[in-house]
Amino acid sequence: MNQEMMNRSGTALLVVDVQRSVMADAWQAIEVTGRIADLVDRARQADVPVVWVRHSSESMPVDSDGWQIVAALAPAAGELIIEKRYGDSFEDTNLEEVLAGLGVRRLVVCGAQSDACVLSTLFGGFVRGYDMTLVGDAHTTDDYSNYGAPTPDKVTAFINMVWTYRSAPGRTASVVTSEMVDW
């Protein structure tokens, strides 16, 4: 781990892709969105930066209705929104520079899709030296079981299990429930 990262001690909440199209068919979307809203409120009350990530693609172009963050959540004035085109929120974005400017070493991650952008971002941050905490009951995915995938409850449980057992020198990976998030 580089010295600059070791000198950071801050925490930020990273809200990944909680957008209208992404959440339209997501498993337990209302419950997960409610938990994320609570996390956002608690982070703001604790003066912990909230960083939003918003994905765009051919099927979800910038400024389209589906590209918008869900109505139940709204970035506050001054909160940063990272625009991305790849699963890993660090890939080809300024997220790393934003976090460095905020002095962040630990990311608390929630959002969608569990098995795509959330998981890619967890690994992306971890390999870059961040302590990565997944909020185990505040991420979701669509049901792709008709295509041979496990049901969403099993996908999210598997990702929670996988992330619980990550380890690397000088950084941590953990999974906590939304109620257990400690800023």
Protein backbone atom coordinates (compact mmCIF):
# COMPACT_ATOMS: atom_id res chain seq x y z
CA MET A 1 0.00 0.00 0.00
CA ASN A 2 1.35 3.42 -0.85
CA GLN A 3 2.26 5.94 1.83
CA GLU A 4 -0.37 8.44 0.69
CA MET A 5 -3.14 5.87 1.25
CA MET A 6 -1.72 4.97 4.66
CA ASN A 7 -1.99 8.61 5.71
CA ARG A 8 -5.73 8.71 5.06
CA SER A 9 -8.22 7.91 7.80
CA GLY A 10 -11.60 9.09 6.52
CA THR A 11 -14.71 7.13 5.65
CA ALA A 12 -17.24 7.78 2.89
CA LEU A 13 -20.55 6.22 1.93
CA LEU A 14 -20.52 5.10 -1.71
CA VAL A 15 -24.00 4.72 -3.24
CA VAL A 16 -23.67 2.71 -6.46
CA ASP A 17 -26.16 2.95 -9.35
CA VAL A 18 -29.42 3.38 -7.44
CA GLN A 19 -31.06 4.60 -10.63
CA ARG A 20 -34.59 4.24 -11.99
CA SER A 21 -33.77 1.66 -14.69
CA VAL A 22 -31.39 -0.28 -12.47
CA MET A 23 -33.88 -0.51 -9.61
CA ALA A 24 -37.03 -1.02 -11.75
CA ASP A 25 -37.01 -4.82 -11.41
CA ALA A 26 -34.53 -5.20 -8.55
CA TRP A 27 -35.23 -7.66 -5.75
CA GLN A 28 -36.60 -5.94 -2.63
CA ALA A 29 -36.05 -2.54 -4.27
CA ILE A 30 -38.28 -0.63 -1.84
CA GLU A 31 -36.69 -2.16 1.26
CA VAL A 32 -33.14 -1.75 -0.04
CA THR A 33 -33.81 1.85 -1.09
CA GLY A 34 -35.20 2.56 2.39
CA ARG A 35 -32.04 1.16 4.01
CA ILE A 36 -29.88 3.22 1.68
CA ALA A 37 -31.90 6.36 2.50
CA ASP A 38 -31.31 5.70 6.20
CA LEU A 39 -27.57 5.20 5.59
CA VAL A 40 -27.42 8.46 3.63
CA ASP A 41 -29.21 10.33 6.44
CA ARG A 42 -26.94 8.86 9.11
CA ALA A 43 -23.80 9.61 7.08
CA ARG A 44 -24.88 13.21 6.61
CA GLN A 45 -25.62 13.57 10.33
CA ALA A 46 -22.14 12.21 11.12
CA ASP A 47 -20.50 14.55 8.54
CA VAL A 48 -19.39 11.53 6.53
CA PRO A 49 -19.17 12.30 2.81
CA VAL A 50 -21.78 10.67 0.59
CA VAL A 51 -20.49 9.93 -2.90
CA TRP A 52 -23.01 8.88 -5.55
CA VAL A 53 -22.19 6.76 -8.59
CA ARG A 54 -24.35 6.86 -11.70
CA HIS A 55 -23.97 4.48 -14.63
CA SER A 56 -24.71 5.26 -18.27
CA SER A 57 -24.83 2.99 -21.30
CA GLU A 58 -26.53 2.68 -24.68
CA SER A 59 -29.63 1.32 -22.97
CA MET A 60 -29.45 3.95 -20.19
CA PRO A 61 -28.17 7.15 -21.81
CA VAL A 62 -27.19 10.26 -19.86
CA ASP A 63 -30.20 12.47 -19.01
CA SER A 64 -32.74 9.72 -19.80
CA ASP A 65 -35.48 8.98 -17.28
CA GLY A 66 -33.95 5.60 -16.37
CA TRP A 67 -30.52 7.17 -15.79
CA GLN A 68 -31.88 9.38 -12.96
CA ILE A 69 -31.30 8.44 -9.34
CA VAL A 70 -34.50 6.99 -7.82
CA ALA A 71 -36.97 9.55 -6.46
CA ALA A 72 -36.61 8.31 -2.87
CA LEU A 73 -32.95 9.34 -2.86
CA ALA A 74 -31.51 12.71 -3.75
CA PRO A 75 -27.93 13.90 -3.64
CA ALA A 76 -27.63 16.97 -1.42
CA ALA A 77 -25.98 20.16 -2.58
CA GLY A 78 -22.24 19.63 -2.65
CA GLU A 79 -22.37 15.83 -2.73
CA LEU A 80 -20.36 14.46 -5.59
CA ILE A 81 -21.77 12.29 -8.36
CA ILE A 82 -19.32 10.06 -10.20
CA GLU A 83 -20.41 9.30 -13.76
CA LYS A 84 -19.28 5.90 -15.04
CA ARG A 85 -19.60 3.58 -18.02
CA TYR A 86 -17.99 0.44 -16.56
CA GLY A 87 -18.91 -1.85 -13.68
CA ASP A 88 -16.02 -0.80 -11.46
CA SER A 89 -16.77 2.72 -10.22
CA PHE A 90 -13.03 3.47 -10.24
CA GLU A 91 -12.53 2.51 -13.88
CA ASP A 92 -12.08 5.53 -16.17
CA THR A 93 -13.59 7.93 -13.57
CA ASN A 94 -12.24 10.50 -11.13
CA LEU A 95 -13.45 8.54 -8.08
CA GLU A 96 -9.95 7.89 -6.78
CA GLU A 97 -9.03 11.59 -7.00
CA VAL A 98 -12.28 12.56 -5.26
CA LEU A 99 -11.63 10.12 -2.41
CA ALA A 100 -8.02 11.27 -2.07
CA GLY A 101 -9.24 14.86 -1.82
CA LEU A 102 -11.63 13.84 0.95
CA GLY A 103 -8.92 11.86 2.78
CA VAL A 104 -10.94 8.65 2.48
CA ARG A 105 -9.39 5.27 3.22
CA ARG A 106 -12.58 3.29 4.04
CA LEU A 107 -15.61 2.98 1.78
CA VAL A 108 -19.01 1.80 2.97
CA VAL A 109 -20.68 0.45 -0.17
CA CYS A 110 -24.36 -0.05 -1.00
CA GLY A 111 -26.45 -0.07 -4.18
CA ALA A 112 -27.07 -2.14 -7.28
CA GLN A 113 -26.49 -4.52 -9.07
CA SER A 114 -24.93 -6.77 -6.45
CA ASP A 115 -23.36 -9.19 -8.92
CA ALA A 116 -22.15 -6.52 -11.34
CA CYS A 117 -21.29 -2.95 -10.40
CA VAL A 118 -21.34 -3.41 -6.62
CA LEU A 119 -19.02 -6.42 -6.71
CA SER A 120 -16.76 -4.86 -9.36
CA THR A 121 -16.47 -1.68 -7.27
CA LEU A 122 -15.68 -3.65 -4.11
CA PHE A 123 -12.80 -5.42 -5.83
CA GLY A 124 -11.73 -2.23 -7.62
CA GLY A 125 -11.41 -0.35 -4.35
CA PHE A 126 -9.81 -3.25 -2.52
CA VAL A 127 -7.01 -3.72 -5.07
CA ARG A 128 -6.38 0.05 -4.93
CA GLY A 129 -5.78 -0.16 -1.17
CA TYR A 130 -9.12 0.88 0.30
CA ASP A 131 -10.80 -0.76 3.27
CA MET A 132 -14.10 -1.88 1.76
CA THR A 133 -17.23 -2.46 3.85
CA LEU A 134 -20.25 -3.94 2.07
CA VAL A 135 -23.63 -3.19 3.63
CA GLY A 136 -25.04 -6.69 3.35
CA ASP A 137 -28.72 -5.76 3.44
CA ALA A 138 -28.40 -2.62 1.29
CA HIS A 139 -27.52 -4.06 -2.12
CA THR A 140 -29.75 -5.77 -4.65
CA THR A 141 -29.94 -7.30 -8.09
CA ASP A 142 -32.48 -8.43 -10.67
CA ASP A 143 -33.86 -11.96 -10.84
CA TYR A 144 -32.02 -13.83 -13.60
CA SER A 145 -33.07 -17.29 -12.43
CA ASN A 146 -34.93 -17.86 -15.72
CA TYR A 147 -31.47 -17.80 -17.35
CA GLY A 148 -30.00 -20.35 -14.93
CA ALA A 149 -28.69 -17.93 -12.30
CA PRO A 150 -29.54 -18.31 -8.62
CA THR A 151 -32.46 -16.28 -7.27
CA PRO A 152 -31.56 -12.75 -6.07
CA ASP A 153 -31.70 -13.68 -2.38
CA LYS A 154 -29.06 -16.34 -3.05
CA VAL A 155 -26.97 -13.99 -5.20
CA THR A 156 -26.85 -11.32 -2.49
CA ALA A 157 -26.15 -13.92 0.21
CA PHE A 158 -23.32 -15.37 -1.88
CA ILE A 159 -21.76 -11.96 -2.46
CA ASN A 160 -21.99 -11.22 1.28
CA MET A 161 -20.22 -14.52 1.97
CA VAL A 162 -17.55 -13.94 -0.67
CA TRP A 163 -16.82 -10.46 0.64
CA THR A 164 -16.67 -11.62 4.27
CA TYR A 165 -13.63 -13.77 3.49
CA ARG A 166 -11.49 -11.29 1.49
CA SER A 167 -8.13 -10.41 2.92
CA ALA A 168 -4.99 -8.61 1.83
CA PRO A 169 -2.07 -6.91 3.55
CA GLY A 170 -2.85 -3.53 5.06
CA ARG A 171 -6.56 -3.40 4.25
CA THR A 172 -9.84 -4.90 5.35
CA ALA A 173 -12.94 -6.28 3.74
CA SER A 174 -16.09 -6.64 5.80
CA VAL A 175 -19.83 -7.09 5.60
CA VAL A 176 -22.21 -5.46 8.07
CA THR A 177 -25.96 -4.88 8.20
CA SER A 178 -27.21 -1.35 7.70
CA GLU A 179 -28.01 -1.07 11.41
CA MET A 180 -24.42 -1.98 12.28
CA VAL A 181 -22.69 0.61 10.09
CA ASP A 182 -20.36 2.62 12.29
CA TRP A 183 -18.99 5.84 10.88
